[in-house]
Protein backbone atom coordinates (compact mmCIF):
# COMPACT_ATOMS: atom_id res chain seq x y z
CA MET A 1 -4.81 0.09 3.50
CA GLN A 2 -7.24 1.00 6.27
CA ASP A 3 -8.43 -1.90 8.43
CA VAL A 4 -6.28 -4.32 6.44
CA THR A 5 -2.56 -3.51 6.66
CA ASP A 6 -2.43 -3.55 10.45
CA LEU A 7 0.06 -5.13 12.86
CA PRO A 8 -1.21 -8.73 12.45
CA PHE A 9 -1.00 -8.36 8.67
CA MET A 10 2.54 -6.97 8.87
CA ARG A 11 3.62 -9.93 11.00
CA VAL A 12 2.13 -12.50 8.63
CA ILE A 13 3.54 -10.81 5.53
CA ALA A 14 7.01 -10.52 7.04
CA ARG A 15 7.15 -14.28 7.62
CA ARG A 16 6.81 -14.76 3.86
CA GLY A 17 9.28 -12.07 2.80
CA ALA A 18 9.01 -8.57 4.20
CA PRO A 19 9.11 -5.37 2.14
CA ASP A 20 11.91 -2.88 2.70
CA TRP A 21 9.57 -0.79 4.84
CA PHE A 22 5.96 -0.64 5.96
CA VAL A 23 3.50 2.25 6.04
CA THR A 24 0.88 2.22 8.78
CA GLU A 25 -2.82 2.57 8.30
CA TYR A 26 -3.53 6.28 8.33
CA PHE A 27 -3.95 8.18 11.56
CA ARG A 28 -7.12 10.24 11.14
CA VAL A 29 -6.36 13.85 12.09
CA HIS A 30 -8.85 16.56 13.07
CA PRO A 31 -8.85 19.31 15.73
CA GLU A 32 -9.79 16.91 18.57
CA SER A 33 -7.98 13.80 17.33
CA ARG A 34 -5.50 11.73 19.28
CA LEU A 35 -3.14 9.09 17.95
CA GLU A 36 -5.06 5.84 17.58
CA ARG A 37 -3.62 3.22 19.92
CA HIS A 38 -4.14 0.21 17.66
CA ILE A 39 -2.22 1.92 14.85
CA LEU A 40 0.53 3.01 17.23
CA ARG A 41 1.07 -0.66 18.03
CA SER A 42 2.13 -1.18 14.40
CA ILE A 43 5.10 1.02 15.35
CA THR A 44 5.81 0.23 18.99
CA GLU A 45 5.25 -3.54 18.86
CA ASN A 46 6.49 -4.23 15.35
CA GLU A 47 8.97 -7.10 15.48
CA THR A 48 9.39 -7.54 11.72
CA GLY A 49 12.77 -5.79 11.69
CA ARG A 50 11.60 -3.38 9.00
CA PRO A 51 11.27 0.42 9.28
CA VAL A 52 7.74 1.76 9.67
CA PHE A 53 6.49 5.08 8.32
CA ALA A 54 3.55 6.67 10.16
CA GLN A 55 0.85 7.86 7.78
CA LEU A 56 -1.38 10.88 8.45
CA ILE A 57 -4.59 11.91 6.75
CA GLY A 58 -6.64 15.04 7.35
CA SER A 59 -7.14 18.67 6.40
CA ASP A 60 -6.54 20.44 9.72
CA VAL A 61 -3.01 21.82 9.51
CA VAL A 62 -2.69 22.47 13.24
CA GLY A 63 -3.80 18.94 13.98
CA LEU A 64 -1.43 17.46 11.41
CA VAL A 65 1.52 19.34 12.89
CA ARG A 66 0.53 18.27 16.40
CA SER A 67 0.22 14.63 15.35
CA ALA A 68 3.52 14.69 13.48
CA ARG A 69 5.32 16.03 16.54
CA GLU A 70 3.69 13.44 18.78
CA LEU A 71 4.70 10.63 16.41
CA ALA A 72 8.29 11.88 16.49
CA GLU A 73 8.40 10.55 20.06
CA TYR A 74 7.99 7.01 18.71
CA PRO A 75 10.46 4.91 16.67
CA VAL A 76 9.09 5.89 13.26
CA ALA A 77 11.16 5.87 10.09
CA GLY A 78 9.36 9.01 8.99
CA ILE A 79 6.02 10.78 8.57
CA ASP A 80 3.96 10.19 5.43
CA LEU A 81 1.08 12.46 4.37
CA ASN A 82 -1.76 10.78 2.48
CA LEU A 83 -2.94 12.86 -0.48
CA GLY A 84 -4.17 9.87 -2.45
CA CYS A 85 -7.04 8.09 -0.70
CA PRO A 86 -10.00 8.04 -3.15
CA ALA A 87 -12.68 6.99 -0.65
CA PRO A 88 -15.68 9.33 -1.10
CA VAL A 89 -16.15 9.76 2.66
CA VAL A 90 -12.54 10.96 2.92
CA CYS A 91 -12.66 13.23 -0.12
CA ARG A 92 -15.86 14.91 1.07
CA LYS A 93 -13.88 16.09 4.09
CA ASN A 94 -11.19 17.55 1.80
CA ALA A 95 -8.71 14.98 3.08
CA GLY A 96 -6.70 12.36 1.21
CA GLY A 97 -7.23 12.68 -2.53
CA GLY A 98 -9.83 15.37 -1.92
CA LEU A 99 -7.04 17.86 -1.15
CA LEU A 100 -5.76 17.56 -4.72
CA ARG A 101 -8.54 20.01 -5.64
CA GLN A 102 -6.80 22.66 -3.50
CA PRO A 103 -3.14 23.02 -4.54
CA GLU A 104 -2.57 26.15 -2.47
CA GLU A 105 -3.87 24.44 0.65
CA ILE A 106 -1.44 21.59 -0.04
CA ARG A 107 1.37 24.14 -0.31
CA ARG A 108 0.47 25.59 3.09
CA MET A 109 0.11 22.16 4.67
CA LEU A 110 3.42 20.85 3.35
CA GLY A 111 5.24 23.97 4.46
CA ALA A 112 3.95 23.60 8.01
CA LEU A 113 4.71 19.88 8.17
CA ARG A 114 8.17 20.26 6.68
CA CYS A 115 9.01 22.69 9.48
CA ALA A 116 7.55 20.36 12.11
CA VAL A 117 9.15 17.09 10.95
CA ALA A 118 12.86 16.95 11.71
CA GLY A 119 13.27 13.50 10.15
CA ARG A 120 12.02 12.04 6.93
CA PHE A 121 8.83 13.53 5.55
CA THR A 122 7.20 11.84 2.56
CA VAL A 123 3.99 12.21 0.56
CA LYS A 124 1.65 9.70 -1.08
CA THR A 125 -0.38 11.19 -3.91
CA ARG A 126 -2.43 10.53 -7.00
CA LEU A 127 -2.09 12.44 -10.27
CA GLY A 128 -4.90 14.87 -9.55
CA TYR A 129 -8.54 14.76 -8.54
CA GLU A 130 -10.29 14.54 -11.92
CA ASP A 131 -7.59 15.61 -14.37
CA ALA A 132 -3.90 14.71 -14.43
CA ALA A 133 -3.21 18.05 -16.16
CA VAL A 134 -2.77 19.56 -12.68
CA PHE A 135 0.05 17.15 -11.85
CA PRO A 136 2.97 19.38 -12.98
CA GLU A 137 1.65 22.09 -10.64
CA LEU A 138 1.50 19.56 -7.80
CA LEU A 139 5.05 18.44 -8.53
CA ALA A 140 6.26 22.01 -8.27
CA ILE A 141 4.63 22.28 -4.83
CA PHE A 142 6.13 18.99 -3.69
CA ARG A 143 9.58 20.01 -4.86
CA GLU A 144 9.31 23.44 -3.24
CA ALA A 145 8.38 21.78 0.07
CA GLY A 146 11.61 19.76 0.15
CA ILE A 147 9.97 16.42 0.88
CA ASP A 148 12.18 13.35 1.25
CA GLY A 149 10.17 10.95 -0.88
CA LEU A 150 7.10 10.87 -3.13
CA SER A 151 4.93 7.80 -3.72
CA ILE A 152 2.60 8.12 -6.69
CA HIS A 153 -0.47 6.04 -7.45
CA GLY A 154 -0.58 6.51 -11.20
CA ARG A 155 -4.27 7.36 -11.48
CA THR A 156 -6.48 10.33 -10.62
CA VAL A 157 -8.85 10.15 -7.66
CA THR A 158 -11.91 9.73 -9.88
CA ASP A 159 -10.17 6.92 -11.76
CA ARG A 160 -10.28 5.01 -8.46
CA TYR A 161 -8.97 1.55 -9.49
CA GLN A 162 -10.83 1.25 -12.79
CA THR A 163 -8.22 2.35 -15.35
CA PRO A 164 -4.65 1.45 -16.27
CA VAL A 165 -2.01 3.47 -14.44
CA ARG A 166 -0.12 6.19 -16.35
CA PRO A 167 3.60 5.38 -16.16
CA GLU A 168 4.56 8.34 -18.35
CA THR A 169 3.20 10.72 -15.70
CA VAL A 170 5.11 8.94 -12.95
CA ARG A 171 8.22 9.23 -15.12
CA LEU A 172 7.65 13.00 -15.27
CA ALA A 173 7.87 13.04 -11.48
CA VAL A 174 11.08 10.99 -11.56
CA GLU A 175 12.58 13.55 -13.93
CA THR A 176 11.30 16.52 -11.90
CA MET A 177 11.78 15.67 -8.23
CA ASP A 178 15.01 15.85 -6.23
CA CYS A 179 13.89 12.99 -3.96
CA PRO A 180 13.21 9.30 -4.65
CA VAL A 181 9.92 8.62 -6.43
CA ILE A 182 8.06 5.39 -5.73
CA ALA A 183 5.56 4.00 -8.27
CA ASN A 184 2.28 2.59 -6.94
CA GLY A 185 -0.80 0.99 -8.46
CA ASN A 186 -1.40 -2.14 -10.55
CA VAL A 187 1.59 -4.11 -9.28
CA VAL A 188 0.02 -7.56 -9.14
CA ASP A 189 3.08 -9.73 -9.78
CA VAL A 190 6.80 -9.51 -10.59
CA ALA A 191 6.23 -8.97 -14.31
CA THR A 192 3.92 -5.99 -13.86
CA GLY A 193 6.20 -4.52 -11.21
CA LEU A 194 9.35 -4.80 -13.30
CA ALA A 195 7.55 -3.32 -16.30
CA TYR A 196 6.22 -0.43 -14.21
CA HIS A 197 9.70 0.22 -12.91
CA ARG A 198 11.18 0.09 -16.39
CA LEU A 199 8.58 2.47 -17.81
CA THR A 200 8.91 5.02 -15.01
CA GLY A 201 12.53 4.81 -13.85
CA ALA A 202 11.15 4.98 -10.29
CA ALA A 203 13.38 4.29 -7.29
CA GLY A 204 11.06 1.52 -6.15
CA LEU A 205 7.54 0.16 -5.95
CA MET A 206 4.79 0.45 -3.37
CA ILE A 207 2.42 -2.52 -3.20
CA GLY A 208 -0.90 -2.74 -1.39
CA ARG A 209 -3.71 -4.82 -2.90
CA GLY A 210 -1.24 -7.09 -4.70
CA ALA A 211 0.45 -7.99 -1.40
CA ILE A 212 -2.83 -8.88 0.26
CA ARG A 213 -3.57 -11.33 -2.55
CA ASN A 214 0.01 -12.60 -2.80
CA PRO A 215 1.99 -12.27 0.47
CA TRP A 216 5.01 -13.85 -1.24
CA ILE A 217 5.34 -10.97 -3.71
CA PHE A 218 8.20 -9.24 -1.87
CA SER A 219 10.27 -12.41 -1.68
CA GLN A 220 9.54 -12.98 -5.37
CA PHE A 221 10.88 -9.52 -6.19
CA ALA A 222 13.96 -10.20 -4.08
CA ALA A 223 14.53 -13.42 -6.05
CA ALA A 224 14.18 -11.54 -9.35
CA TRP A 225 16.68 -8.95 -8.14
CA GLU A 226 19.19 -11.60 -7.13
CA GLY A 227 18.65 -13.91 -10.10
CA ARG A 228 17.15 -16.70 -7.98
CA GLU A 229 14.13 -18.89 -8.70
CA PRO A 230 11.13 -17.33 -6.92
CA VAL A 231 8.79 -19.22 -4.63
CA ARG A 232 5.76 -20.53 -6.51
CA PRO A 233 2.96 -20.98 -3.96
CA VAL A 234 0.17 -23.52 -4.29
CA HIS A 235 -3.36 -23.40 -2.95
CA ARG A 236 -2.36 -25.12 0.30
CA ASP A 237 0.18 -22.32 0.91
CA LEU A 238 -2.63 -19.81 0.53
CA LEU A 239 -4.71 -21.79 2.99
CA GLY A 240 -1.91 -21.57 5.55
CA TYR A 241 -1.57 -17.82 4.99
CA VAL A 242 -5.27 -17.12 5.49
CA LEU A 243 -5.56 -19.34 8.58
CA GLU A 244 -2.47 -17.75 10.11
CA LEU A 245 -3.82 -14.28 9.41
CA CYS A 246 -7.15 -15.30 10.89
CA ASP A 247 -5.47 -16.47 14.09
CA GLU A 248 -3.27 -13.36 14.37
CA ILE A 249 -6.24 -11.02 13.99
CA ALA A 250 -8.33 -12.99 16.48
CA ARG A 251 -5.49 -12.89 19.02
CA GLU A 252 -5.25 -9.09 18.66
CA THR A 253 -8.98 -8.43 18.98
CA PRO A 254 -9.80 -7.14 22.51
CA SER A 255 -13.48 -8.15 22.49
CA PHE A 256 -13.72 -11.13 20.19
CA ASP A 257 -17.00 -11.47 18.32
CA PRO A 258 -17.11 -14.60 16.11
CA GLN A 259 -19.37 -13.20 13.42
CA GLY A 260 -17.60 -9.83 13.48
CA HIS A 261 -14.30 -11.65 13.06
CA VAL A 262 -15.58 -13.41 9.94
CA GLN A 263 -16.77 -10.10 8.50
CA ARG A 264 -13.37 -8.56 9.17
CA MET A 265 -11.61 -11.45 7.44
CA LYS A 266 -13.80 -10.92 4.39
CA LYS A 267 -12.04 -7.58 3.84
CA HIS A 268 -8.86 -9.54 3.13
CA LEU A 269 -10.61 -12.36 1.28
CA ALA A 270 -12.18 -9.91 -1.17
CA TYR A 271 -8.71 -9.46 -2.68
CA ILE A 272 -7.73 -13.11 -2.32
CA SER A 273 -10.85 -14.93 -3.55
CA ASN A 274 -11.50 -12.67 -6.55
CA GLY A 275 -11.22 -14.85 -9.65
CA MET A 276 -9.86 -17.89 -7.83
CA GLY A 277 -12.13 -20.22 -9.76
CA GLY A 278 -14.96 -22.52 -8.82
CA ASP A 279 -17.44 -21.27 -6.26
CA PHE A 280 -14.85 -20.13 -3.69
CA GLU A 281 -15.59 -16.41 -3.96
CA HIS A 282 -19.36 -16.98 -3.91
CA ARG A 283 -19.21 -19.23 -0.84
CA ILE A 284 -16.75 -17.15 1.19
CA ARG A 285 -18.92 -14.05 0.80
CA ARG A 286 -21.78 -15.91 2.45
CA ALA A 287 -19.85 -17.40 5.37
CA ARG A 288 -21.20 -16.37 8.78
CA THR A 289 -19.42 -18.32 11.50
CA PRO A 290 -15.71 -19.08 11.99
CA GLU A 291 -16.45 -22.79 11.58
CA GLU A 292 -18.23 -22.23 8.26
CA PHE A 293 -15.47 -19.85 7.12
CA GLU A 294 -12.70 -22.36 7.87
CA ALA A 295 -14.62 -25.26 6.30
CA ILE A 296 -14.95 -23.30 3.03
CA LEU A 297 -11.25 -22.44 3.08
CA ARG A 298 -10.23 -26.06 3.56
CA ASP A 299 -12.70 -27.36 0.99
CA CYS A 300 -11.50 -24.94 -1.70
CA LEU A 301 -7.80 -24.49 -0.91
CA ASP A 302 -6.48 -27.68 0.67
CA HIS A 303 -4.68 -29.01 -2.42
CA ASP A 304 -1.40 -28.53 -4.26
CA ALA A 305 -2.50 -26.98 -7.55
CA PRO A 306 -0.45 -23.84 -8.35
CA LEU A 307 -2.07 -20.52 -7.59
CA PRO A 308 -2.94 -18.25 -10.53
CA GLU A 309 -0.09 -15.81 -11.11
CA ARG A 310 -2.40 -12.82 -11.56
CA PRO A 311 -5.87 -11.76 -10.49
CA PRO A 312 -8.64 -11.39 -13.06
CA GLU A 313 -8.37 -8.19 -15.04
CA GLY A 314 -11.37 -5.95 -15.32
CA SER A 315 -12.82 -6.47 -11.85
CA LYS A 316 -13.53 -3.62 -9.44
CA LEU A 317 -10.45 -4.63 -7.46
CA PHE A 318 -7.87 -5.16 -10.21
CA CYS A 319 -8.03 -3.46 -13.58
CA GLY A 320 -5.78 -2.53 -16.49
CA PHE A 321 -2.53 -4.09 -15.27
CA SER A 322 -1.83 -5.86 -18.59
CA ALA A 323 -1.24 -2.42 -20.14
CA LEU A 324 2.03 -2.29 -18.19
CA ILE A 325 3.51 -5.37 -19.86
CA ASP A 326 2.01 -5.17 -23.35
CA GLY A 327 5.03 -4.28 -25.43
CA ALA A 328 7.02 -2.95 -22.47
CA PRO A 329 10.65 -4.06 -22.14
CA ILE A 330 11.15 -5.76 -18.78
CA SER A 331 14.37 -5.53 -16.81
CA ALA A 332 15.24 -7.29 -13.60
CA LYS A 333 17.71 -4.51 -12.80
CA ALA A 334 16.71 -1.43 -10.86
CA SER A 335 18.41 1.56 -9.35
CA ALA A 336 19.07 1.61 -5.62
CA PHE A 337 17.81 4.36 -3.37
CA PRO A 338 19.97 7.48 -3.33
CA ALA A 339 21.60 8.41 -0.04
CA GLY A 340 19.05 9.94 2.28
CA GLY A 341 16.17 8.41 0.34
CA CYS A 342 12.90 7.32 1.82
CA ALA A 343 13.65 3.67 2.46
CA ALA A 344 16.40 1.33 3.48
CA GLY A 345 17.08 -2.24 2.48
CA PRO A 346 18.81 -4.30 -0.15
CA HIS A 347 16.04 -4.15 -2.75
CA PRO A 348 14.21 -1.15 -4.24
CA PHE A 349 10.94 -3.05 -4.32
CA GLY A 350 9.78 -2.09 -1.13
CA SER A 351 6.90 -0.69 0.76
CA CYS A 352 3.61 -2.21 1.75
CA SER A 353 0.73 0.27 1.58
CA SER A 354 -2.32 1.12 -0.44
């Protein structure tokens, strides 16, 4: 997730139970673009011990090929092409999810990138731009391109985050593709993730917003896989997570601006404070200085009451996740990645991205 899942975030998450692999923020690609140094550091200075996929976004095929070849000089686990970002500013440039309106352009782009990427080449997509009826056509293009992995956010671009995901459509991809398929969207806790996996038969899960809110989610999945009791964090654990993240981000900021730092932290807190109860969300939105920000955190979180297991349903940030578990059989068993799949690690619940 842009401006959120950066190197400091990866470090803090990994201390609480790392995913099987990380995906960088996307490198913005255009004819004059160069690899962004701060994103490169998520690859070159990543001490989490987990593989890192480099994510590209853009519509300029020449630039995408150039960037992919440049990234091959770094210790990346693979190259991932973003065809799923629903941000209007991205889609207006026919990048991210905006490209889903142009299947033939996707075919040309994937063909060029597949030739340029000697290692693993994966794609992140949504089901279509406005209508998921185009998805079978997209799957045929993905399969023809010979990609090594496909991550699917189970909504269309215009759905944004305001509808339930469509596991039956992700299952179609699982049944169609020759590579591992990873299910994404609406995984807010272990129960929703296991249900999504059960309903789709996917090789694994990709978690973004849910991991920002609950950095213990990967260790909780590992516990479910191994039949262990998962960690059950309390509010004071959340306080420690946010303060640690705050310190890590401040340490990595070249020109530290106190008020700018607070505004940056609010990007994370939007996912964390949503529905936490009391006046926490209201107060944190209005914090201006680091001192005020920390005082609100300590006032609202410095106690040992258990954290809510799930965010509120029906907000602009989290919506429709109960549809995954209503009447769905849940299994704690999942298939491992096939040989040559798009991730490595002992558990199929794995990547941290949007």
